[in-house]
Protein backbone atom coordinates (compact mmCIF):
# COMPACT_ATOMS: atom_id res chain seq x y z
CA MET A 1 0.00 0.00 0.00
CA ALA A 2 2.85 2.40 0.86
CA LYS A 3 4.48 1.69 -2.52
CA GLN A 4 1.20 2.41 -4.41
CA LYS A 5 0.75 5.72 -2.59
CA ARG A 6 4.33 6.70 -3.38
CA ARG A 7 3.83 5.84 -7.08
CA SER A 8 0.59 7.86 -7.23
CA THR A 9 2.22 10.87 -5.59
CA ALA A 10 5.17 10.70 -7.96
CA ALA A 11 2.86 10.48 -10.99
CA LYS A 12 0.92 13.51 -9.85
CA GLN A 13 4.12 15.45 -9.38
CA ARG A 14 5.42 14.53 -12.84
CA ALA A 15 2.09 15.59 -14.45
CA LYS A 16 2.16 18.91 -12.59
CA ALA A 17 5.70 19.53 -13.75
CA ARG A 18 4.81 18.91 -17.38
CA ARG A 19 1.88 21.36 -17.18
CA GLN A 20 4.11 24.00 -15.75
CA GLN A 21 6.67 23.44 -18.53
CA ARG A 22 4.03 23.80 -21.25
CA ALA A 23 2.65 26.96 -19.70
CA ALA A 24 6.10 28.42 -19.49
CA ALA A 25 6.89 27.52 -23.10
CA GLY A 26 3.63 29.16 -24.43
CA GLU A 27 2.24 25.84 -25.76
CA ARG A 28 -1.26 26.21 -24.23
CA GLY A 29 -2.95 26.72 -27.65
CA PRO A 30 -6.48 28.01 -28.42
CA GLU A 31 -9.62 27.32 -26.44
CA PRO A 32 -11.10 23.85 -26.86
CA ALA A 33 -14.18 25.12 -28.72
CA SER A 34 -12.11 26.61 -31.53
CA PRO A 35 -10.17 23.72 -33.10
CA PRO A 36 -11.33 22.52 -36.53
CA ALA A 37 -13.10 19.20 -36.56
CA ALA A 38 -10.82 16.24 -36.80
CA PRO A 39 -11.28 13.70 -39.57
CA GLY A 40 -14.05 11.27 -38.71
CA ARG A 41 -15.72 13.68 -36.30
CA ALA A 42 -18.95 15.49 -37.19
CA ALA A 43 -18.67 19.25 -37.27
CA ALA A 44 -21.23 21.32 -35.37
CA THR A 45 -22.74 22.66 -38.65
CA ALA A 46 -23.75 19.14 -39.62
CA ARG A 47 -26.20 18.80 -36.78
CA PRO A 48 -29.01 20.78 -38.30
CA ALA A 49 -29.18 18.04 -40.89
CA ARG A 50 -30.20 15.71 -38.09
CA ARG A 51 -32.98 17.99 -36.87
CA PRO A 52 -35.62 16.29 -38.94
CA GLN A 53 -34.89 13.14 -36.98
CA ALA A 54 -35.30 14.97 -33.68
CA ARG A 55 -38.56 16.52 -34.96
CA ARG A 56 -39.81 13.51 -36.88
CA PRO A 57 -43.15 13.18 -35.05
CA SER A 58 -44.08 16.75 -35.95
CA VAL A 59 -43.08 16.29 -39.59
CA ARG A 60 -45.01 13.05 -39.74
CA ARG A 61 -48.08 14.83 -38.46
CA ARG A 62 -47.67 17.52 -41.11
CA SER A 63 -47.06 14.83 -43.75
CA ARG A 64 -50.21 12.99 -42.72
CA ARG A 65 -52.19 16.24 -42.78
CA THR A 66 -50.81 17.04 -46.23
CA SER A 67 -51.63 13.54 -47.52
CA TRP A 68 -55.19 13.64 -46.22
CA ALA A 69 -55.64 17.13 -47.64
CA ALA A 70 -54.43 15.95 -51.05
CA ILE A 71 -56.73 12.93 -50.95
CA GLY A 72 -59.63 15.15 -49.93
CA ALA A 73 -58.93 17.50 -52.81
CA VAL A 74 -58.86 14.63 -55.30
CA LEU A 75 -62.11 13.20 -53.95
CA ALA A 76 -63.73 16.61 -54.16
CA VAL A 77 -62.73 16.96 -57.82
CA VAL A 78 -64.00 13.45 -58.58
CA ALA A 79 -67.29 14.22 -56.83
CA ILE A 80 -67.70 17.39 -58.87
CA PHE A 81 -67.16 15.49 -62.12
CA VAL A 82 -69.59 12.76 -61.06
CA VAL A 83 -72.26 15.30 -60.19
CA MET A 84 -71.68 17.18 -63.43
CA SER A 85 -71.84 13.93 -65.38
CA LEU A 86 -75.04 12.76 -63.74
CA THR A 87 -76.78 16.09 -63.93
CA GLY A 88 -75.63 16.62 -67.48
CA ARG A 89 -76.77 13.18 -68.61
CA LYS A 90 -79.76 12.58 -66.34
CA ASP A 91 -82.93 12.58 -68.40
CA ASP A 92 -81.91 14.81 -71.27
CA THR A 93 -84.65 14.30 -73.85
CA SER A 94 -83.74 17.42 -75.81
CA ARG A 95 -81.72 15.38 -78.32
CA GLY A 96 -84.89 13.56 -79.31
CA ARG A 97 -86.93 16.63 -80.17
CA ALA A 98 -87.71 16.89 -83.86
CA SER A 99 -88.10 20.33 -85.36
CA PRO A 100 -91.02 20.90 -87.75
CA GLY A 101 -90.37 19.07 -90.99
CA SER A 102 -87.70 16.70 -89.67
CA ILE A 103 -89.88 13.59 -89.67
CA GLU A 104 -91.10 14.43 -93.19
CA LYS A 105 -87.46 14.59 -94.31
CA LEU A 106 -86.78 11.25 -92.63
CA THR A 107 -89.59 9.55 -94.54
CA SER A 108 -88.56 11.00 -97.90
CA ILE A 109 -84.83 10.36 -98.28
CA PRO A 110 -84.00 10.89 -101.98
CA ALA A 111 -83.52 7.70 -103.99
CA ALA A 112 -80.25 9.08 -105.36
CA THR A 113 -78.89 9.39 -101.83
CA LEU A 114 -79.79 5.80 -100.99
CA GLU A 115 -78.30 4.63 -104.27
CA ALA A 116 -75.05 6.42 -103.46
CA VAL A 117 -74.55 4.82 -100.04
CA GLY A 118 -74.66 1.26 -101.36
CA ALA A 119 -75.66 -1.85 -99.44
CA PRO A 120 -73.55 -3.49 -96.73
CA ARG A 121 -73.60 -7.19 -96.01
CA LEU A 122 -75.53 -7.57 -92.75
CA THR A 123 -73.94 -10.28 -90.66
CA ASN A 124 -76.72 -11.13 -88.22
CA VAL A 125 -79.66 -11.37 -90.62
CA ASN A 126 -80.82 -14.95 -90.94
CA ALA A 127 -82.95 -16.71 -93.52
CA LEU A 128 -85.70 -18.77 -91.96
CA PRO A 129 -85.50 -22.52 -92.61
CA ALA A 130 -86.62 -23.73 -96.01
CA GLY A 131 -90.29 -24.65 -95.99
CA THR A 132 -91.27 -21.97 -93.45
CA PRO A 133 -94.72 -20.81 -94.58
CA PRO A 134 -94.90 -17.17 -95.66
CA ILE A 135 -96.85 -14.86 -93.40
CA GLU A 136 -99.32 -12.45 -94.95
CA GLN A 137 -102.05 -10.12 -93.81
CA ASP A 138 -104.74 -8.75 -96.11
CA GLY A 139 -103.00 -10.59 -98.94
CA LYS A 140 -99.74 -8.69 -98.43
CA PRO A 141 -96.45 -9.83 -96.85
CA LEU A 142 -96.10 -8.93 -93.18
CA VAL A 143 -93.17 -7.05 -91.66
CA LEU A 144 -93.01 -7.37 -87.87
CA TYR A 145 -91.20 -5.12 -85.44
CA TYR A 146 -91.23 -6.08 -81.76
CA GLY A 147 -89.48 -3.69 -79.36
CA ALA A 148 -89.81 -1.13 -76.60
CA GLU A 149 -89.21 2.59 -76.26
CA TYR A 150 -86.59 2.25 -73.50
CA CYS A 151 -84.43 -0.05 -75.65
CA PRO A 152 -81.40 1.75 -77.17
CA PHE A 153 -80.89 -0.85 -79.90
CA CYS A 154 -84.56 -0.56 -80.83
CA ALA A 155 -83.97 3.19 -81.11
CA VAL A 156 -81.06 2.54 -83.44
CA GLU A 157 -82.94 0.02 -85.61
CA ARG A 158 -86.08 2.12 -86.10
CA TRP A 159 -84.18 4.57 -88.31
CA PRO A 160 -83.51 2.19 -91.25
CA ILE A 161 -86.89 0.50 -90.81
CA VAL A 162 -88.64 3.85 -91.32
CA VAL A 163 -86.42 4.77 -94.27
CA ALA A 164 -87.03 1.41 -95.97
CA LEU A 165 -90.77 1.17 -95.36
CA SER A 166 -91.27 4.76 -96.51
CA ARG A 167 -90.35 3.54 -100.01
CA PHE A 168 -93.35 1.18 -100.00
CA GLY A 169 -95.98 3.22 -98.16
CA THR A 170 -96.76 6.11 -95.83
CA PHE A 171 -96.37 6.63 -92.10
CA GLU A 172 -98.75 8.83 -90.14
CA GLY A 173 -98.36 9.89 -86.53
CA LEU A 174 -94.66 9.15 -86.11
CA SER A 175 -93.21 11.11 -83.22
CA SER A 176 -89.67 11.59 -82.01
CA THR A 177 -88.39 10.39 -78.67
CA THR A 178 -85.27 9.02 -76.99
CA SER A 179 -84.33 5.72 -75.42
CA ALA A 180 -84.09 5.35 -71.64
CA PRO A 181 -81.90 7.71 -69.59
CA PRO A 182 -78.74 6.61 -67.73
CA PRO A 183 -77.71 4.11 -66.52
CA GLU A 184 -79.15 2.37 -69.59
CA THR A 185 -76.64 1.64 -72.36
CA LEU A 186 -76.47 4.41 -74.99
CA PRO A 187 -78.80 6.62 -72.94
CA ASN A 188 -81.18 9.08 -74.59
CA THR A 189 -80.53 7.85 -78.12
CA PRO A 190 -82.73 9.91 -80.49
CA THR A 191 -85.28 7.95 -82.48
CA VAL A 192 -88.94 7.71 -83.45
CA THR A 193 -91.55 5.58 -81.74
CA PHE A 194 -94.08 3.44 -83.55
CA HIS A 195 -96.53 3.88 -80.69
CA GLY A 196 -99.48 5.91 -81.92
CA SER A 197 -98.46 5.69 -85.57
CA THR A 198 -100.12 4.06 -88.57
CA TYR A 199 -98.72 2.75 -91.81
CA THR A 200 -100.51 2.26 -95.11
CA SER A 201 -99.15 0.55 -98.22
CA ASP A 202 -100.34 -1.21 -101.34
CA HIS A 203 -97.45 -3.63 -101.09
CA VAL A 204 -96.76 -4.61 -97.47
CA VAL A 205 -98.30 -4.65 -93.98
CA PHE A 206 -96.27 -3.30 -91.10
CA SER A 207 -97.11 -4.69 -87.67
CA ALA A 208 -95.30 -2.94 -84.80
CA VAL A 209 -95.52 -3.19 -81.03
CA GLU A 210 -93.74 -1.10 -78.40
CA THR A 211 -94.19 -3.08 -75.19
CA GLN A 212 -92.84 -0.50 -72.71
CA THR A 213 -92.21 3.22 -72.44
CA ARG A 214 -88.79 4.77 -72.12
CA ASP A 215 -89.22 4.66 -68.33
CA PHE A 216 -90.08 0.93 -68.40
CA THR A 217 -93.81 1.17 -67.74
CA PRO A 218 -96.13 -1.09 -69.79
CA LEU A 219 -97.26 0.50 -73.04
CA GLU A 220 -98.68 -1.89 -75.65
CA THR A 221 -99.72 -5.53 -75.49
CA PRO A 222 -98.61 -7.70 -78.41
CA THR A 223 -101.36 -9.24 -80.48
CA PRO A 224 -101.56 -13.05 -80.45
CA LEU A 225 -99.94 -13.13 -83.90
CA GLN A 226 -97.11 -10.79 -82.89
CA GLN A 227 -96.39 -12.83 -79.77
CA ARG A 228 -96.54 -16.13 -81.64
CA LEU A 229 -94.06 -14.96 -84.27
CA PHE A 230 -91.79 -13.55 -81.57
CA ASP A 231 -91.84 -16.76 -79.53
CA THR A 232 -91.43 -19.01 -82.57
CA TYR A 233 -88.62 -17.29 -84.43
CA ASN A 234 -86.74 -15.20 -81.88
CA VAL A 235 -84.81 -18.22 -80.70
CA GLU A 236 -81.18 -19.35 -80.73
CA GLN A 237 -81.61 -21.49 -83.83
CA VAL A 238 -82.87 -18.55 -85.90
CA THR A 239 -81.68 -15.23 -84.48
CA GLY A 240 -78.97 -16.42 -82.13
CA SER A 241 -80.85 -14.96 -79.18
CA SER A 242 -83.59 -15.97 -76.80
CA GLY A 243 -86.12 -13.19 -76.75
CA ALA A 244 -83.84 -10.19 -77.34
CA ILE A 245 -85.23 -6.97 -78.76
CA PRO A 246 -85.60 -5.44 -81.21
CA PHE A 247 -86.91 -8.42 -83.12
CA VAL A 248 -87.63 -7.90 -86.82
CA MET A 249 -89.18 -10.45 -89.13
CA ILE A 250 -89.70 -9.93 -92.88
CA GLY A 251 -92.53 -12.06 -94.30
CA ASN A 252 -91.39 -15.20 -92.47
CA ARG A 253 -88.36 -15.27 -94.77
CA TYR A 254 -85.78 -13.22 -92.85
CA ALA A 255 -85.43 -12.46 -89.16
CA TRP A 256 -82.94 -10.89 -86.75
CA ALA A 257 -82.63 -9.56 -83.24
CA GLY A 258 -80.64 -6.45 -82.39
CA SER A 259 -79.38 -3.54 -84.44
CA GLN A 260 -77.82 -4.00 -87.86
CA TYR A 261 -75.22 -1.24 -87.71
CA ASP A 262 -72.88 0.48 -85.29
CA PRO A 263 -74.94 2.38 -82.68
CA GLY A 264 -71.94 4.58 -81.97
CA VAL A 265 -72.56 6.67 -85.09
CA LEU A 266 -75.56 8.24 -83.34
CA GLU A 267 -73.78 9.02 -80.08
CA GLY A 268 -74.02 12.68 -79.13
CA LYS A 269 -76.23 13.52 -82.12
CA SER A 270 -79.64 15.15 -81.97
CA PHE A 271 -82.66 13.98 -83.93
CA ASP A 272 -82.34 16.86 -86.39
CA GLU A 273 -78.61 16.27 -86.83
CA ILE A 274 -79.23 12.62 -87.72
CA VAL A 275 -81.91 13.55 -90.25
CA ALA A 276 -79.63 16.19 -91.78
CA ALA A 277 -76.77 13.68 -92.06
CA LEU A 278 -79.06 11.21 -93.83
CA GLN A 279 -79.38 13.65 -96.71
CA ASP A 280 -75.62 13.52 -97.38
CA PRO A 281 -74.38 10.15 -98.67
CA SER A 282 -70.80 10.98 -97.68
CA THR A 283 -71.61 10.91 -93.95
CA GLU A 284 -71.14 7.81 -91.84
CA ILE A 285 -74.72 8.12 -90.59
CA ALA A 286 -76.07 7.99 -94.16
CA LYS A 287 -73.86 5.02 -95.00
CA GLN A 288 -74.88 3.07 -91.90
CA ILE A 289 -78.61 3.87 -91.75
CA GLY A 290 -79.15 4.26 -95.50
CA GLY A 291 -77.15 1.14 -96.29
CA THR A 292 -79.12 -0.93 -93.77
CA ALA A 293 -82.36 0.50 -95.20
CA ASN A 294 -81.28 -0.68 -98.65
CA VAL A 295 -80.85 -4.25 -97.39
CA ILE A 296 -84.28 -4.19 -95.72
CA THR A 297 -85.71 -2.80 -98.96
CA ALA A 298 -84.13 -5.68 -100.88
CA MET A 299 -85.78 -8.22 -98.54
CA ILE A 300 -89.20 -6.64 -99.00
CA CYS A 301 -88.77 -6.49 -102.79
CA GLU A 302 -88.28 -10.26 -102.80
CA LEU A 303 -91.71 -10.62 -101.17
CA THR A 304 -93.54 -8.10 -103.37
CA ASP A 305 -92.41 -9.58 -106.69
CA GLY A 306 -90.26 -6.55 -107.33
CA GLN A 307 -92.93 -3.94 -106.69
CA PRO A 308 -92.91 -0.99 -106.82
CA SER A 309 -90.58 -1.28 -109.77
CA GLU A 310 -89.11 2.21 -109.35
CA VAL A 311 -87.74 1.02 -106.01
CA CYS A 312 -86.96 -2.64 -106.60
CA SER A 313 -85.28 -2.20 -110.00
CA SER A 314 -82.53 -0.08 -108.49
CA PRO A 315 -79.04 -1.50 -109.10
CA VAL A 316 -78.14 -1.18 -105.41
CA ILE A 317 -81.24 -3.19 -104.45
CA ALA A 318 -80.31 -5.92 -106.91
CA GLU A 319 -76.82 -5.95 -105.42
CA ALA A 320 -78.24 -6.24 -101.92
CA GLN A 321 -80.57 -9.09 -102.94
CA ALA A 322 -77.67 -11.07 -104.31
CA ALA A 323 -75.95 -10.86 -100.93
CA LEU A 324 -78.95 -11.90 -98.81
CA PRO A 325 -78.62 -15.13 -96.81
CA LYS A 326 -80.17 -18.24 -98.25
CA ALA A 327 -82.26 -20.81 -96.42
């Protein structure tokens, strides 16, 4: 123990002597806070870079608030667009309003215009099986339309039916309307309705039924003959469907369900705009509706023995007849 105390005392004395020597030699140097940072040691100016770590909870709160605010803003914009879309498309029937004279123009498309648009090959028209008895009424071949006012594809198909039948007779009481509002497919498609109309012709009988209104309420009840033809021929083996509408049957020789051309050509158009486009054979509307009307005309001409001749002798009608499906 005495040796350890002596060693400790000697060490203290040697340390004191060295301090005194340095002080005397002027080697004290600057204050400890002043030296530059040594390699590998963080300088004081680097610490602010660590402050985000010390304040991380606060920043996280701000980040969460910013994120929720951004999400809220996006949802608000989406909501505005949804409201605008729904209110803008709700039950807008204005597109279906026909100005005075529009329906008369629809039922009197010039023959030269129809000749110019040609005749497409309709892919879903089917010939009824060989041996199917012809259907007539009052000694004239029967054309059946079975549909409903709410149905957008019925709306599309009525256009060429009216154009074609107007070449064989006269409509009275046709009125313009639109198909059902959203969320129905192709909402508010402009068209005519056969409800309340009559058709007279020396060549063909037109039998039409609109079973429901555009808001799906019952409208007309099919006659026994209309229902029998619908149930018999609107089947998978004939039309490829089971009760779809519109159903169209031409004299028990041809039948189909659905529209015969692209409904998209009518999208966004008004009734008057469609009628105006039908007068110009260069428009897609004239080609689609007028071309389909030519094919329907060709079917009817086969049943009327080519009458009236001024219609059925047209080169485009002969071309369309050659392309019709065979039983």
